[in-house]
Amino acid sequence: MEKIELKTAPGDYRFPTTNQSRHCFTRYVEFHRCVAAKGDDASECEKFAKYYRSLCPAEWVDRWNEQRENGVFPGPL
C-alpha cells in the first residue's frame, strides 16, 4: 500500500497568531497573481494553490471565485 503524505502550508512570519484567516486570503491572492503573471500552466504557482486549499474553507474559495468572475473581488489581484 502506498503511503499518502499530508501537508499544509508552512508557517509564515507574517501571520504569527493562531487566526489564519489573513494567511488564507493572502495565499489565495498570491496564487491568482502568480497565474496572472506566469499563465495557467505555471508549475511554480501550484505551491500557492496547495497552501490556500489547505488553509481556506471551501465556502470562502467558492465565494471568492464567484466574486472574481463577476469583477467584484475585494483583493488586489
PDB file of N, CA and C in Angstrom:
ATOM      1  N   MET A   1       0.848  -1.179   0.000  1.00  0.00           N
ATOM      2  CA  MET A   1       0.000   0.000   0.000  1.00  0.00           C
ATOM      3  C   MET A   1       0.893   1.242   0.000  1.00  0.00           C
ATOM      4  N   GLU A   2       0.566   2.180  -0.848  1.00  0.00           N
ATOM      5  CA  GLU A   2       1.346   3.408  -0.988  1.00  0.00           C
ATOM      6  C   GLU A   2       1.027   4.375   0.151  1.00  0.00           C
ATOM      7  N   LYS A   3       2.081   4.983   0.724  1.00  0.00           N
ATOM      8  CA  LYS A   3       1.900   5.963   1.787  1.00  0.00           C
ATOM      9  C   LYS A   3       1.421   7.284   1.208  1.00  0.00           C
ATOM     10  N   ILE A   4       0.486   7.900   1.872  1.00  0.00           N
ATOM     11  CA  ILE A   4      -0.003   9.213   1.477  1.00  0.00           C
ATOM     12  C   ILE A   4       0.535  10.221   2.476  1.00  0.00           C
ATOM     13  N   GLU A   5       1.194  11.247   1.958  1.00  0.00           N
ATOM     14  CA  GLU A   5       1.754  12.283   2.815  1.00  0.00           C
ATOM     15  C   GLU A   5       0.858  13.512   2.782  1.00  0.00           C
ATOM     16  N   LEU A   6       0.362  13.900   3.938  1.00  0.00           N
ATOM     17  CA  LEU A   6      -0.489  15.078   4.044  1.00  0.00           C
ATOM     18  C   LEU A   6       0.343  16.250   4.525  1.00  0.00           C
ATOM     19  N   LYS A   7       0.190  17.388   3.851  1.00  0.00           N
ATOM     20  CA  LYS A   7       0.930  18.589   4.224  1.00  0.00           C
ATOM     21  C   LYS A   7      -0.015  19.782   4.232  1.00  0.00           C
ATOM     22  N   THR A   8       0.357  20.758   4.992  1.00  0.00           N
ATOM     23  CA  THR A   8      -0.364  22.022   4.975  1.00  0.00           C
ATOM     24  C   THR A   8       0.645  23.124   4.656  1.00  0.00           C
ATOM     25  N   ALA A   9       0.176  24.331   4.585  1.00  0.00           N
ATOM     26  CA  ALA A   9       1.058  25.447   4.272  1.00  0.00           C
ATOM     27  C   ALA A   9       2.100  25.604   5.375  1.00  0.00           C
ATOM     28  N   PRO A  10       3.314  25.963   5.016  1.00  0.00           N
ATOM     29  CA  PRO A  10       4.342  26.175   6.040  1.00  0.00           C
ATOM     30  C   PRO A  10       4.040  27.433   6.847  1.00  0.00           C
ATOM     31  N   GLY A  11       4.641  27.523   8.028  1.00  0.00           N
ATOM     32  CA  GLY A  11       4.481  28.721   8.841  1.00  0.00           C
ATOM     33  C   GLY A  11       4.979  29.943   8.095  1.00  0.00           C
ATOM     34  N   ASP A  12       4.368  31.056   8.353  1.00  0.00           N
ATOM     35  CA  ASP A  12       4.729  32.301   7.680  1.00  0.00           C
ATOM     36  C   ASP A  12       4.874  33.389   8.737  1.00  0.00           C
ATOM     37  N   TYR A  13       6.030  34.006   8.808  1.00  0.00           N
ATOM     38  CA  TYR A  13       6.300  35.012   9.837  1.00  0.00           C
ATOM     39  C   TYR A  13       5.331  36.190   9.780  1.00  0.00           C
ATOM     40  N   ARG A  14       4.668  36.387   8.643  1.00  0.00           N
ATOM     41  CA  ARG A  14       3.714  37.496   8.530  1.00  0.00           C
ATOM     42  C   ARG A  14       2.434  37.215   9.305  1.00  0.00           C
ATOM     43  N   PHE A  15       2.223  35.951   9.678  1.00  0.00           N
ATOM     44  CA  PHE A  15       0.981  35.548  10.343  1.00  0.00           C
ATOM     45  C   PHE A  15       1.302  34.740  11.600  1.00  0.00           C
ATOM     46  N   PRO A  16       1.818  35.388  12.642  1.00  0.00           N
ATOM     47  CA  PRO A  16       2.284  34.655  13.817  1.00  0.00           C
ATOM     48  C   PRO A  16       1.184  34.161  14.749  1.00  0.00           C
ATOM     49  N   THR A  17      -0.019  34.680  14.646  1.00  0.00           N
ATOM     50  CA  THR A  17      -1.076  34.285  15.570  1.00  0.00           C
ATOM     51  C   THR A  17      -1.800  33.046  15.066  1.00  0.00           C
ATOM     52  N   THR A  18      -2.686  32.521  15.886  1.00  0.00           N
ATOM     53  CA  THR A  18      -3.396  31.301  15.522  1.00  0.00           C
ATOM     54  C   THR A  18      -4.516  31.536  14.509  1.00  0.00           C
ATOM     55  N   ASN A  19      -5.015  32.770  14.401  1.00  0.00           N
ATOM     56  CA  ASN A  19      -6.059  33.058  13.428  1.00  0.00           C
ATOM     57  C   ASN A  19      -5.422  33.094  12.033  1.00  0.00           C
ATOM     58  N   GLN A  20      -5.799  32.157  11.204  1.00  0.00           N
ATOM     59  CA  GLN A  20      -5.167  32.012   9.895  1.00  0.00           C
ATOM     60  C   GLN A  20      -5.996  32.590   8.751  1.00  0.00           C
ATOM     61  N   SER A  21      -6.996  33.383   9.066  1.00  0.00           N
ATOM     62  CA  SER A  21      -7.856  33.963   8.030  1.00  0.00           C
ATOM     63  C   SER A  21      -7.061  34.825   7.054  1.00  0.00           C
ATOM     64  N   ARG A  22      -6.216  35.680   7.572  1.00  0.00           N
ATOM     65  CA  ARG A  22      -5.431  36.565   6.719  1.00  0.00           C
ATOM     66  C   ARG A  22      -4.429  35.760   5.891  1.00  0.00           C
ATOM     67  N   HIS A  23      -3.846  34.744   6.516  1.00  0.00           N
ATOM     68  CA  HIS A  23      -2.898  33.869   5.825  1.00  0.00           C
ATOM     69  C   HIS A  23      -3.602  33.195   4.640  1.00  0.00           C
ATOM     70  N   CYS A  24      -4.786  32.687   4.878  1.00  0.00           N
ATOM     71  CA  CYS A  24      -5.592  32.047   3.837  1.00  0.00           C
ATOM     72  C   CYS A  24      -5.820  33.014   2.679  1.00  0.00           C
ATOM     73  N   PHE A  25      -6.305  34.211   2.980  1.00  0.00           N
ATOM     74  CA  PHE A  25      -6.623  35.206   1.956  1.00  0.00           C
ATOM     75  C   PHE A  25      -5.375  35.585   1.160  1.00  0.00           C
ATOM     76  N   THR A  26      -4.261  35.789   1.848  1.00  0.00           N
ATOM     77  CA  THR A  26      -3.016  36.169   1.189  1.00  0.00           C
ATOM     78  C   THR A  26      -2.536  35.094   0.237  1.00  0.00           C
ATOM     79  N   ARG A  27      -2.611  33.837   0.651  1.00  0.00           N
ATOM     80  CA  ARG A  27      -2.181  32.735  -0.218  1.00  0.00           C
ATOM     81  C   ARG A  27      -3.088  32.609  -1.441  1.00  0.00           C
ATOM     82  N   TYR A  28      -4.377  32.849  -1.266  1.00  0.00           N
ATOM     83  CA  TYR A  28      -5.314  32.836  -2.393  1.00  0.00           C
ATOM     84  C   TYR A  28      -4.936  33.920  -3.403  1.00  0.00           C
ATOM     85  N   VAL A  29      -4.682  35.118  -2.900  1.00  0.00           N
ATOM     86  CA  VAL A  29      -4.298  36.240  -3.761  1.00  0.00           C
ATOM     87  C   VAL A  29      -2.963  35.951  -4.449  1.00  0.00           C
ATOM     88  N   GLU A  30      -1.991  35.409  -3.699  1.00  0.00           N
ATOM     89  CA  GLU A  30      -0.684  35.090  -4.283  1.00  0.00           C
ATOM     90  C   GLU A  30      -0.815  34.089  -5.426  1.00  0.00           C
ATOM     91  N   PHE A  31      -1.676  33.100  -5.255  1.00  0.00           N
ATOM     92  CA  PHE A  31      -1.880  32.121  -6.326  1.00  0.00           C
ATOM     93  C   PHE A  31      -2.411  32.793  -7.579  1.00  0.00           C
ATOM     94  N   HIS A  32      -3.419  33.607  -7.443  1.00  0.00           N
ATOM     95  CA  HIS A  32      -4.031  34.225  -8.621  1.00  0.00           C
ATOM     96  C   HIS A  32      -3.127  35.282  -9.262  1.00  0.00           C
ATOM     97  N   ARG A  33      -2.317  35.943  -8.464  1.00  0.00           N
ATOM     98  CA  ARG A  33      -1.316  36.856  -9.036  1.00  0.00           C
ATOM     99  C   ARG A  33      -0.279  36.081  -9.841  1.00  0.00           C
ATOM    100  N   CYS A  34       0.148  34.945  -9.300  1.00  0.00           N
ATOM    101  CA  CYS A  34       1.139  34.110  -9.976  1.00  0.00           C
ATOM    102  C   CYS A  34       0.590  33.608 -11.314  1.00  0.00           C
ATOM    103  N   VAL A  35      -0.642  33.133 -11.297  1.00  0.00           N
ATOM    104  CA  VAL A  35      -1.267  32.629 -12.530  1.00  0.00           C
ATOM    105  C   VAL A  35      -1.409  33.762 -13.548  1.00  0.00           C
ATOM    106  N   ALA A  36      -1.771  34.949 -13.083  1.00  0.00           N
ATOM    107  CA  ALA A  36      -1.918  36.093 -13.993  1.00  0.00           C
ATOM    108  C   ALA A  36      -0.577  36.470 -14.613  1.00  0.00           C
ATOM    109  N   ALA A  37       0.490  36.342 -13.835  1.00  0.00           N
ATOM    110  CA  ALA A  37       1.811  36.728 -14.322  1.00  0.00           C
ATOM    111  C   ALA A  37       2.476  35.650 -15.168  1.00  0.00           C
ATOM    112  N   LYS A  38       2.252  34.375 -14.829  1.00  0.00           N
ATOM    113  CA  LYS A  38       3.007  33.292 -15.458  1.00  0.00           C
ATOM    114  C   LYS A  38       2.172  32.338 -16.301  1.00  0.00           C
ATOM    115  N   GLY A  39       0.849  32.449 -16.220  1.00  0.00           N
ATOM    116  CA  GLY A  39      -0.013  31.589 -17.013  1.00  0.00           C
ATOM    117  C   GLY A  39      -0.597  30.442 -16.212  1.00  0.00           C
ATOM    118  N   ASP A  40      -1.673  29.878 -16.744  1.00  0.00           N
ATOM    119  CA  ASP A  40      -2.408  28.811 -16.053  1.00  0.00           C
ATOM    120  C   ASP A  40      -1.584  27.551 -15.813  1.00  0.00           C
ATOM    121  N   ASP A  41      -0.621  27.281 -16.652  1.00  0.00           N
ATOM    122  CA  ASP A  41       0.139  26.040 -16.550  1.00  0.00           C
ATOM    123  C   ASP A  41       1.459  26.189 -15.805  1.00  0.00           C
ATOM    124  N   ALA A  42       1.675  27.307 -15.136  1.00  0.00           N
ATOM    125  CA  ALA A  42       2.946  27.552 -14.442  1.00  0.00           C
ATOM    126  C   ALA A  42       3.052  26.664 -13.201  1.00  0.00           C
ATOM    127  N   SER A  43       4.028  25.790 -13.202  1.00  0.00           N
ATOM    128  CA  SER A  43       4.179  24.847 -12.090  1.00  0.00           C
ATOM    129  C   SER A  43       4.565  25.549 -10.790  1.00  0.00           C
ATOM    130  N   GLU A  44       5.254  26.684 -10.871  1.00  0.00           N
ATOM    131  CA  GLU A  44       5.661  27.377  -9.654  1.00  0.00           C
ATOM    132  C   GLU A  44       4.476  27.984  -8.901  1.00  0.00           C
ATOM    133  N   CYS A  45       3.321  28.101  -9.556  1.00  0.00           N
ATOM    134  CA  CYS A  45       2.123  28.623  -8.890  1.00  0.00           C
ATOM    135  C   CYS A  45       1.410  27.539  -8.086  1.00  0.00           C
ATOM    136  N   GLU A  46       1.695  26.303  -8.375  1.00  0.00           N
ATOM    137  CA  GLU A  46       0.986  25.198  -7.740  1.00  0.00           C
ATOM    138  C   GLU A  46       1.172  25.187  -6.218  1.00  0.00           C
ATOM    139  N   LYS A  47       2.330  25.617  -5.730  1.00  0.00           N
ATOM    140  CA  LYS A  47       2.544  25.629  -4.278  1.00  0.00           C
ATOM    141  C   LYS A  47       1.561  26.582  -3.592  1.00  0.00           C
ATOM    142  N   PHE A  48       1.274  27.720  -4.229  1.00  0.00           N
ATOM    143  CA  PHE A  48       0.314  28.652  -3.640  1.00  0.00           C
ATOM    144  C   PHE A  48      -1.088  28.052  -3.632  1.00  0.00           C
ATOM    145  N   ALA A  49      -1.421  27.302  -4.670  1.00  0.00           N
ATOM    146  CA  ALA A  49      -2.722  26.633  -4.717  1.00  0.00           C
ATOM    147  C   ALA A  49      -2.843  25.629  -3.573  1.00  0.00           C
ATOM    148  N   LYS A  50      -1.800  24.852  -3.353  1.00  0.00           N
ATOM    149  CA  LYS A  50      -1.818  23.883  -2.252  1.00  0.00           C
ATOM    150  C   LYS A  50      -1.968  24.587  -0.913  1.00  0.00           C
ATOM    151  N   TYR A  51      -1.282  25.710  -0.755  1.00  0.00           N
ATOM    152  CA  TYR A  51      -1.344  26.449   0.503  1.00  0.00           C
ATOM    153  C   TYR A  51      -2.752  26.959   0.767  1.00  0.00           C
ATOM    154  N   TYR A  52      -3.343  27.664  -0.199  1.00  0.00           N
ATOM    155  CA  TYR A  52      -4.662  28.222   0.087  1.00  0.00           C
ATOM    156  C   TYR A  52      -5.717  27.133   0.213  1.00  0.00           C
ATOM    157  N   ARG A  53      -5.564  26.045  -0.528  1.00  0.00           N
ATOM    158  CA  ARG A  53      -6.541  24.955  -0.408  1.00  0.00           C
ATOM    159  C   ARG A  53      -6.477  24.270   0.947  1.00  0.00           C
ATOM    160  N   SER A  54      -5.302  24.268   1.557  1.00  0.00           N
ATOM    161  CA  SER A  54      -5.185  23.642   2.880  1.00  0.00           C
ATOM    162  C   SER A  54      -5.606  24.593   4.001  1.00  0.00           C
ATOM    163  N   LEU A  55      -5.552  25.890   3.756  1.00  0.00           N
ATOM    164  CA  LEU A  55      -5.872  26.871   4.798  1.00  0.00           C
ATOM    165  C   LEU A  55      -7.303  27.388   4.744  1.00  0.00           C
ATOM    166  N   CYS A  56      -7.866  27.524   3.558  1.00  0.00           N
ATOM    167  CA  CYS A  56      -9.136  28.222   3.383  1.00  0.00           C
ATOM    168  C   CYS A  56     -10.334  27.278   3.373  1.00  0.00           C
ATOM    169  N   PRO A  57     -11.412  27.670   4.047  1.00  0.00           N
ATOM    170  CA  PRO A  57     -12.655  26.911   3.923  1.00  0.00           C
ATOM    171  C   PRO A  57     -13.162  26.951   2.480  1.00  0.00           C
ATOM    172  N   ALA A  58     -13.692  25.851   2.018  1.00  0.00           N
ATOM    173  CA  ALA A  58     -14.170  25.750   0.629  1.00  0.00           C
ATOM    174  C   ALA A  58     -15.228  26.804   0.312  1.00  0.00           C
ATOM    175  N   GLU A  59     -16.057  27.156   1.289  1.00  0.00           N
ATOM    176  CA  GLU A  59     -17.102  28.158   1.069  1.00  0.00           C
ATOM    177  C   GLU A  59     -16.490  29.516   0.722  1.00  0.00           C
ATOM    178  N   TRP A  60     -15.384  29.861   1.375  1.00  0.00           N
ATOM    179  CA  TRP A  60     -14.716  31.127   1.085  1.00  0.00           C
ATOM    180  C   TRP A  60     -14.163  31.124  -0.329  1.00  0.00           C
ATOM    181  N   VAL A  61     -13.512  30.030  -0.684  1.00  0.00           N
ATOM    182  CA  VAL A  61     -12.910  29.925  -2.016  1.00  0.00           C
ATOM    183  C   VAL A  61     -13.991  30.015  -3.089  1.00  0.00           C
ATOM    184  N   ASP A  62     -15.098  29.326  -2.874  1.00  0.00           N
ATOM    185  CA  ASP A  62     -16.210  29.384  -3.829  1.00  0.00           C
ATOM    186  C   ASP A  62     -16.712  30.820  -3.982  1.00  0.00           C
ATOM    187  N   ARG A  63     -16.860  31.513  -2.868  1.00  0.00           N
ATOM    188  CA  ARG A  63     -17.351  32.901  -2.901  1.00  0.00           C
ATOM    189  C   ARG A  63     -16.343  33.807  -3.603  1.00  0.00           C
ATOM    190  N   TRP A  64     -15.064  33.642  -3.289  1.00  0.00           N
ATOM    191  CA  TRP A  64     -14.036  34.477  -3.929  1.00  0.00           C
ATOM    192  C   TRP A  64     -13.947  34.204  -5.423  1.00  0.00           C
ATOM    193  N   ASN A  65     -14.075  32.938  -5.818  1.00  0.00           N
ATOM    194  CA  ASN A  65     -14.058  32.613  -7.246  1.00  0.00           C
ATOM    195  C   ASN A  65     -15.227  33.284  -7.960  1.00  0.00           C
ATOM    196  N   GLU A  66     -16.375  33.250  -7.318  1.00  0.00           N
ATOM    197  CA  GLU A  66     -17.565  33.889  -7.895  1.00  0.00           C
ATOM    198  C   GLU A  66     -17.359  35.410  -7.986  1.00  0.00           C
ATOM    199  N   GLN A  67     -16.778  35.997  -6.956  1.00  0.00           N
ATOM    200  CA  GLN A  67     -16.517  37.441  -6.972  1.00  0.00           C
ATOM    201  C   GLN A  67     -15.521  37.809  -8.068  1.00  0.00           C
ATOM    202  N   ARG A  68     -14.496  36.990  -8.252  1.00  0.00           N
ATOM    203  CA  ARG A  68     -13.522  37.259  -9.321  1.00  0.00           C
ATOM    204  C   ARG A  68     -14.202  37.198 -10.680  1.00  0.00           C
ATOM    205  N   GLU A  69     -15.042  36.199 -10.883  1.00  0.00           N
ATOM    206  CA  GLU A  69     -15.759  36.052 -12.157  1.00  0.00           C
ATOM    207  C   GLU A  69     -16.659  37.257 -12.429  1.00  0.00           C
ATOM    208  N   ASN A  70     -17.234  37.835 -11.363  1.00  0.00           N
ATOM    209  CA  ASN A  70     -18.133  38.968 -11.508  1.00  0.00           C
ATOM    210  C   ASN A  70     -17.413  40.317 -11.455  1.00  0.00           C
ATOM    211  N   GLY A  71     -16.085  40.285 -11.269  1.00  0.00           N
ATOM    212  CA  GLY A  71     -15.304  41.517 -11.242  1.00  0.00           C
ATOM    213  C   GLY A  71     -15.448  42.339  -9.977  1.00  0.00           C
ATOM    214  N   VAL A  72     -15.871  41.706  -8.858  1.00  0.00           N
ATOM    215  CA  VAL A  72     -16.060  42.453  -7.621  1.00  0.00           C
ATOM    216  C   VAL A  72     -15.216  41.893  -6.466  1.00  0.00           C
ATOM    217  N   PHE A  73     -14.164  41.161  -6.785  1.00  0.00           N
ATOM    218  CA  PHE A  73     -13.299  40.610  -5.741  1.00  0.00           C
ATOM    219  C   PHE A  73     -12.610  41.754  -4.996  1.00  0.00           C
ATOM    220  N   PRO A  74     -12.636  41.729  -3.655  1.00  0.00           N
ATOM    221  CA  PRO A  74     -12.117  42.858  -2.878  1.00  0.00           C
ATOM    222  C   PRO A  74     -10.600  42.919  -2.774  1.00  0.00           C
ATOM    223  N   GLY A  75      -9.903  41.902  -3.214  1.00  0.00           N
ATOM    224  CA  GLY A  75      -8.446  41.870  -3.049  1.00  0.00           C
ATOM    225  C   GLY A  75      -7.690  42.431  -4.232  1.00  0.00           C
ATOM    226  N   PRO A  76      -6.401  42.669  -4.011  1.00  0.00           N
ATOM    227  CA  PRO A  76      -5.543  43.217  -5.061  1.00  0.00           C
ATOM    228  C   PRO A  76      -4.995  42.113  -5.978  1.00  0.00           C
ATOM    229  N   LEU A  77      -5.669  41.857  -7.067  1.00  0.00           N
ATOM    230  CA  LEU A  77      -5.200  40.828  -7.999  1.00  0.00           C
ATOM    231  C   LEU A  77      -4.449  41.461  -9.096  1.00  0.00           C
TER     232      LEU A  77
END
